[in-house]
N, C-alpha and C. Protein backbone atom coordinates (compact mmCIF):
# COMPACT_ATOMS: atom_id res chain seq x y z
N UNK A 1 168.26 -140.13 73.66
CA UNK A 1 168.00 -139.21 72.86
C UNK A 1 169.58 -138.27 72.69
N UNK A 2 169.37 -137.93 71.22
CA UNK A 2 170.34 -137.16 70.70
C UNK A 2 170.59 -135.47 71.81
N UNK A 3 171.67 -135.46 71.66
CA UNK A 3 171.76 -133.93 72.66
C UNK A 3 171.07 -133.15 71.82
N UNK A 4 171.28 -132.88 70.68
CA UNK A 4 170.93 -131.65 69.93
C UNK A 4 169.54 -131.58 70.03
N UNK A 5 168.77 -132.75 69.96
CA UNK A 5 167.30 -132.62 70.21
C UNK A 5 166.87 -131.95 71.63
N UNK A 6 167.62 -132.37 72.36
CA UNK A 6 167.52 -131.98 73.79
C UNK A 6 167.63 -130.58 74.01
N UNK A 7 168.67 -129.95 73.04
CA UNK A 7 168.94 -128.62 73.17
C UNK A 7 167.75 -127.88 72.63
N UNK A 8 167.37 -128.23 71.51
CA UNK A 8 165.90 -127.81 70.45
C UNK A 8 165.01 -127.43 71.73
N UNK A 9 164.64 -128.93 72.46
CA UNK A 9 163.64 -128.96 73.55
C UNK A 9 163.52 -127.69 74.24
N UNK A 10 164.84 -127.62 75.00
CA UNK A 10 164.86 -127.17 76.00
C UNK A 10 164.95 -125.47 75.55
N UNK A 11 165.16 -124.94 74.35
CA UNK A 11 165.00 -123.72 73.90
C UNK A 11 163.49 -123.51 73.62
N UNK A 12 162.95 -124.35 73.36
CA UNK A 12 161.05 -124.20 73.56
C UNK A 12 160.62 -123.62 74.80
N UNK A 13 161.18 -123.98 75.95
CA UNK A 13 160.85 -123.35 77.15
C UNK A 13 161.48 -122.06 77.58
N UNK A 14 162.44 -121.86 76.51
CA UNK A 14 163.31 -120.42 76.63
C UNK A 14 162.58 -119.42 76.06
N UNK A 15 162.12 -119.81 74.93
CA UNK A 15 161.45 -118.92 74.08
C UNK A 15 160.52 -117.55 74.90
N UNK A 16 159.55 -117.91 75.86
CA UNK A 16 159.03 -116.64 76.50
C UNK A 16 160.02 -115.72 77.34
N UNK A 17 161.01 -116.20 77.38
CA UNK A 17 161.72 -115.37 78.15
C UNK A 17 163.27 -114.83 77.15
N UNK A 18 163.04 -114.68 75.62
CA UNK A 18 164.19 -114.24 75.09
C UNK A 18 164.27 -112.89 75.34
N UNK A 19 163.56 -111.90 75.65
CA UNK A 19 163.89 -110.57 76.00
C UNK A 19 164.80 -110.57 77.15
N UNK A 20 164.57 -110.98 78.09
CA UNK A 20 165.16 -111.12 79.47
C UNK A 20 166.60 -111.99 78.95
N UNK A 21 166.54 -112.73 78.15
CA UNK A 21 167.75 -113.13 77.73
C UNK A 21 168.66 -112.19 77.21
N UNK A 22 168.49 -111.53 75.97
CA UNK A 22 168.74 -110.59 75.42
C UNK A 22 169.26 -109.41 76.31
N UNK A 23 168.41 -108.86 77.49
CA UNK A 23 168.79 -108.02 78.61
C UNK A 23 170.09 -108.61 79.06
N UNK A 24 170.26 -110.16 79.34
CA UNK A 24 171.41 -110.25 80.41
C UNK A 24 172.41 -110.55 79.32
N UNK A 25 172.39 -110.54 78.03
CA UNK A 25 173.29 -110.54 77.08
C UNK A 25 173.93 -109.18 77.38
N UNK A 26 173.14 -108.02 77.17
CA UNK A 26 173.71 -106.83 76.99
C UNK A 26 174.27 -106.34 78.27
N UNK A 27 173.65 -106.94 79.44
CA UNK A 27 174.37 -106.55 80.70
C UNK A 27 175.66 -107.36 81.01
N UNK A 28 175.88 -108.16 80.32
CA UNK A 28 176.84 -108.93 80.43
C UNK A 28 177.99 -108.25 79.46
N UNK A 29 178.10 -108.09 78.28
CA UNK A 29 178.67 -107.07 77.89
C UNK A 29 178.98 -105.90 78.50
N UNK A 30 178.45 -105.02 78.93
CA UNK A 30 178.35 -104.00 79.84
C UNK A 30 179.36 -104.22 80.87
N UNK A 31 178.94 -105.29 81.83
CA UNK A 31 180.24 -106.13 82.75
C UNK A 31 181.39 -105.97 82.21
N UNK A 32 181.52 -106.66 80.82
CA UNK A 32 182.57 -106.89 80.37
C UNK A 32 183.58 -105.58 80.28
N UNK A 33 182.92 -104.45 79.64
CA UNK A 33 183.14 -103.16 79.50
C UNK A 33 184.09 -102.62 81.04
N UNK A 34 183.05 -102.64 81.72
CA UNK A 34 183.04 -102.00 83.24
C UNK A 34 184.34 -103.17 83.65
N UNK A 35 184.85 -104.25 83.52
CA UNK A 35 186.03 -105.19 84.06
C UNK A 35 187.16 -104.53 83.25
N UNK A 36 187.21 -104.29 81.89
CA UNK A 36 188.40 -104.19 81.25
C UNK A 36 188.77 -102.71 81.71
N UNK A 37 187.65 -101.46 81.93
CA UNK A 37 188.39 -100.44 82.29
C UNK A 37 188.81 -100.49 83.77
N UNK A 38 188.59 -101.29 84.54
CA UNK A 38 189.43 -101.26 86.18
C UNK A 38 190.71 -100.73 85.90
N UNK A 39 191.57 -100.85 85.62
CA UNK A 39 192.93 -100.70 85.73
C UNK A 39 193.13 -99.54 85.48
N UNK A 40 192.45 -98.80 84.58
CA UNK A 40 193.09 -97.32 83.73
C UNK A 40 193.17 -96.35 84.67
N UNK A 41 191.98 -96.40 85.51
CA UNK A 41 192.35 -95.18 86.49
C UNK A 41 193.80 -95.51 87.68
N UNK A 42 193.82 -96.74 87.79
CA UNK A 42 195.25 -97.20 88.60
C UNK A 42 196.30 -96.68 87.92
N UNK A 43 196.14 -97.23 86.30
CA UNK A 43 197.53 -96.56 85.77
C UNK A 43 197.88 -95.16 85.50
N UNK A 44 196.59 -94.24 85.46
CA UNK A 44 197.07 -92.87 85.37
C UNK A 44 197.60 -92.51 86.99
N UNK A 45 196.93 -93.23 88.22
CA UNK A 45 197.51 -92.55 89.03
C UNK A 45 199.22 -92.96 89.29
N UNK A 46 199.33 -94.17 88.96
CA UNK A 46 200.51 -94.46 89.15
C UNK A 46 201.75 -93.66 88.18
N UNK A 47 201.45 -93.80 86.90
CA UNK A 47 202.04 -93.05 85.71
C UNK A 47 202.28 -91.79 85.81
N UNK A 48 200.95 -90.71 85.82
CA UNK A 48 200.72 -89.61 85.48
C UNK A 48 200.73 -88.55 87.11
N UNK A 49 200.14 -89.29 87.99
CA UNK A 49 200.33 -88.60 89.26
C UNK A 49 201.58 -88.68 90.35
N UNK A 50 201.96 -90.04 90.29
CA UNK A 50 203.08 -90.33 90.84
C UNK A 50 204.28 -90.21 90.41
N UNK A 51 204.32 -90.64 89.07
CA UNK A 51 205.56 -90.43 88.26
C UNK A 51 205.76 -89.59 87.36
N UNK A 52 204.72 -88.72 87.39
CA UNK A 52 204.58 -87.45 86.66
C UNK A 52 204.80 -87.67 85.35
N UNK A 53 204.36 -88.36 84.65
CA UNK A 53 204.53 -88.70 82.78
C UNK A 53 203.39 -88.07 82.26
N UNK A 54 203.50 -88.28 81.04
CA UNK A 54 202.26 -87.49 80.25
C UNK A 54 201.28 -88.15 80.27
N UNK A 55 199.84 -87.70 80.17
CA UNK A 55 198.73 -88.82 79.91
C UNK A 55 198.48 -89.32 78.89
N UNK A 56 197.99 -90.29 78.58
CA UNK A 56 197.95 -91.19 77.34
C UNK A 56 196.87 -90.03 76.58
N UNK A 57 197.11 -89.99 75.38
CA UNK A 57 196.60 -89.33 74.57
C UNK A 57 195.04 -89.48 74.20
N UNK A 58 194.41 -90.43 74.39
CA UNK A 58 192.98 -90.62 74.44
C UNK A 58 192.56 -90.03 75.81
N UNK A 59 193.21 -90.22 77.03
CA UNK A 59 192.84 -89.26 78.11
C UNK A 59 193.17 -88.13 78.25
N UNK A 60 194.15 -87.73 77.68
CA UNK A 60 194.29 -86.27 77.23
C UNK A 60 193.27 -85.36 76.32
N UNK A 61 192.67 -85.92 75.41
CA UNK A 61 191.90 -85.47 74.58
C UNK A 61 190.55 -85.21 75.08
N UNK A 62 190.15 -86.32 75.89
CA UNK A 62 189.04 -86.69 76.53
C UNK A 62 188.77 -85.60 77.51
N UNK A 63 189.61 -85.40 78.54
CA UNK A 63 189.85 -84.14 79.23
C UNK A 63 189.62 -83.05 78.64
N UNK A 64 190.45 -82.88 77.54
CA UNK A 64 190.39 -81.34 77.08
C UNK A 64 189.15 -81.12 76.37
N UNK A 65 188.31 -82.14 75.92
CA UNK A 65 187.00 -82.11 75.54
C UNK A 65 186.14 -81.86 76.39
N UNK A 66 185.95 -82.01 77.29
CA UNK A 66 185.14 -81.77 78.49
C UNK A 66 185.78 -80.47 79.83
N UNK A 67 186.89 -79.97 79.23
CA UNK A 67 187.06 -78.65 80.09
C UNK A 67 188.13 -79.03 81.37
N UNK A 68 188.19 -80.41 81.58
CA UNK A 68 188.98 -81.18 82.85
C UNK A 68 190.37 -80.45 82.88
N UNK A 69 190.80 -80.22 84.17
CA UNK A 69 192.00 -79.82 84.42
C UNK A 69 193.13 -80.69 84.36
N UNK A 70 194.05 -80.45 83.98
CA UNK A 70 195.24 -81.66 84.43
C UNK A 70 196.05 -81.60 85.06
N UNK A 71 196.18 -80.84 86.10
CA UNK A 71 197.02 -80.60 87.31
C UNK A 71 196.60 -81.86 88.08
N UNK A 72 197.90 -82.48 89.10
CA UNK A 72 198.03 -83.52 89.58
C UNK A 72 196.99 -83.84 90.47
N UNK A 73 196.42 -82.75 91.63
CA UNK A 73 195.37 -82.89 92.59
C UNK A 73 194.13 -83.25 91.52
N UNK A 74 194.10 -82.48 90.94
CA UNK A 74 192.67 -82.95 89.64
C UNK A 74 192.54 -84.20 89.18
N UNK A 75 193.73 -84.57 88.69
CA UNK A 75 194.07 -86.11 87.69
C UNK A 75 193.67 -87.01 88.89
N UNK A 76 194.26 -86.89 90.14
CA UNK A 76 193.87 -87.69 90.97
C UNK A 76 192.44 -88.03 91.54
N UNK A 77 191.97 -86.81 91.76
CA UNK A 77 190.27 -86.81 92.16
C UNK A 77 189.60 -87.34 90.78
N UNK A 78 189.98 -87.24 89.76
CA UNK A 78 188.99 -87.64 88.62
C UNK A 78 189.24 -89.19 88.51
N UNK A 79 190.42 -89.77 88.67
CA UNK A 79 190.93 -91.11 88.61
C UNK A 79 190.08 -91.74 89.56
N UNK A 80 190.02 -91.14 90.75
CA UNK A 80 189.13 -92.06 91.90
C UNK A 80 187.68 -91.95 91.94
N UNK A 81 187.56 -91.02 91.08
CA UNK A 81 185.89 -90.88 90.80
C UNK A 81 185.60 -91.84 89.83
N UNK A 82 186.46 -91.63 88.87
CA UNK A 82 186.12 -92.84 87.75
C UNK A 82 186.29 -94.44 88.29
N UNK A 83 187.27 -94.76 89.21
CA UNK A 83 187.41 -95.95 89.66
C UNK A 83 186.59 -96.19 90.78
N UNK A 84 185.57 -95.21 91.13
CA UNK A 84 184.47 -95.64 92.33
C UNK A 84 183.31 -95.76 91.26
N UNK A 85 182.93 -95.04 90.19
CA UNK A 85 182.08 -95.31 89.20
C UNK A 85 182.43 -96.74 88.72
N UNK A 86 183.34 -96.93 88.18
CA UNK A 86 183.51 -98.20 87.70
C UNK A 86 183.38 -99.63 88.65
N UNK A 87 183.65 -99.29 89.82
CA UNK A 87 183.54 -100.41 90.72
C UNK A 87 182.15 -100.43 91.17
N UNK A 88 181.43 -99.28 91.60
CA UNK A 88 179.87 -99.43 92.00
C UNK A 88 179.04 -99.84 90.53
N UNK A 89 179.33 -99.23 89.47
CA UNK A 89 178.59 -99.75 88.15
C UNK A 89 178.71 -101.48 88.06
N UNK A 90 179.52 -101.81 88.34
CA UNK A 90 180.07 -103.16 88.19
C UNK A 90 179.62 -104.40 89.25
N UNK A 91 179.31 -103.86 90.34
CA UNK A 91 178.69 -104.18 91.22
C UNK A 91 177.07 -104.31 90.74
N UNK A 92 176.58 -103.17 90.31
CA UNK A 92 175.42 -103.13 90.19
C UNK A 92 174.97 -104.07 88.66
N UNK A 93 175.59 -103.97 88.12
CA UNK A 93 175.81 -104.77 86.93
C UNK A 93 175.41 -106.19 87.41
N UNK A 94 176.27 -106.65 88.09
CA UNK A 94 176.33 -107.88 88.53
C UNK A 94 175.44 -108.56 89.47
N UNK A 95 174.90 -107.40 90.21
CA UNK A 95 173.75 -107.82 91.20
C UNK A 95 172.40 -107.93 90.21
N UNK A 96 171.97 -107.33 88.98
CA UNK A 96 170.78 -107.37 87.99
C UNK A 96 171.56 -108.65 87.32
N UNK A 97 172.46 -108.72 86.93
CA UNK A 97 172.55 -110.07 86.10
C UNK A 97 172.09 -111.33 86.99
N UNK A 98 172.50 -111.42 88.13
CA UNK A 98 172.48 -112.43 89.16
C UNK A 98 170.92 -112.61 89.19
N UNK A 99 169.82 -111.60 89.64
CA UNK A 99 168.64 -111.30 89.72
C UNK A 99 168.39 -111.83 88.30
N UNK A 100 168.36 -111.65 87.39
CA UNK A 100 167.88 -112.07 85.95
C UNK A 100 167.96 -113.22 85.85
N UNK A 101 169.28 -114.08 86.09
CA UNK A 101 169.47 -115.56 86.05
C UNK A 101 168.63 -116.12 86.98
N UNK A 102 168.83 -116.06 88.05
CA UNK A 102 167.83 -116.21 88.98
C UNK A 102 166.25 -116.37 88.74
N UNK A 103 165.66 -115.27 88.39
CA UNK A 103 164.33 -115.29 87.57
C UNK A 103 164.35 -116.16 86.46
N UNK A 104 164.82 -116.21 85.48
CA UNK A 104 164.77 -117.03 84.47
C UNK A 104 165.13 -118.35 84.89
N UNK A 105 166.09 -118.78 85.65
CA UNK A 105 166.22 -120.38 85.66
C UNK A 105 164.81 -120.91 86.70
N UNK A 106 164.47 -120.17 87.78
CA UNK A 106 163.07 -120.59 88.41
C UNK A 106 161.95 -120.46 87.59
N UNK A 107 161.49 -119.75 86.74
CA UNK A 107 160.62 -119.95 85.61
C UNK A 107 160.69 -120.89 84.90
N UNK A 108 161.97 -121.21 84.27
CA UNK A 108 161.95 -122.73 83.82
C UNK A 108 162.09 -123.80 84.48
N UNK A 109 162.37 -123.63 85.32
CA UNK A 109 162.13 -125.00 86.28
C UNK A 109 160.53 -125.15 86.73
N UNK A 110 159.99 -124.06 86.65
CA UNK A 110 158.54 -124.10 87.24
C UNK A 110 157.88 -124.58 85.87
N UNK A 111 158.29 -123.98 84.66
CA UNK A 111 157.78 -124.82 83.57
C UNK A 111 158.12 -125.76 83.10
N UNK A 112 159.29 -126.34 83.19
CA UNK A 112 159.40 -127.88 83.09
C UNK A 112 158.70 -128.63 83.96
N UNK A 113 158.38 -128.23 85.19
CA UNK A 113 157.83 -129.21 86.41
C UNK A 113 156.44 -129.20 85.99
N UNK A 114 155.78 -128.18 85.23
CA UNK A 114 154.07 -128.17 85.01
C UNK A 114 154.21 -129.28 84.14
N UNK A 115 154.98 -128.95 83.09
CA UNK A 115 154.98 -130.15 81.79
C UNK A 115 154.88 -131.78 82.63
N UNK A 116 155.48 -131.55 83.30
CA UNK A 116 155.91 -133.18 83.91
C UNK A 116 154.65 -133.52 84.45
N UNK A 117 153.76 -133.11 85.19
CA UNK A 117 152.58 -133.17 85.91
C UNK A 117 151.49 -133.86 85.09
């Protein structure tokens, strides 16, 4: 049997779960954003707290817009809070993604087994 035919046949079984798959895609994209933002607080701590360099322009503008102080101790606090949010948010997104993948997989296997009977 042609592999393309097999893919289309399996897509028929995935049709009832399309919205869950879309949620999974969105969660995966959010997970990428969380993973890419992990190094930023470490960079700010090393460069701006320890080495006392100027903040990157986008971080400085962000802090000014929200009325945040750019003193060293406040900068360290904000960086640690941001790091905690990124790590905890990433863990939560991974957990929800794992649950969705498991749920979709189990339901697909169940649907396939019903058709075999």
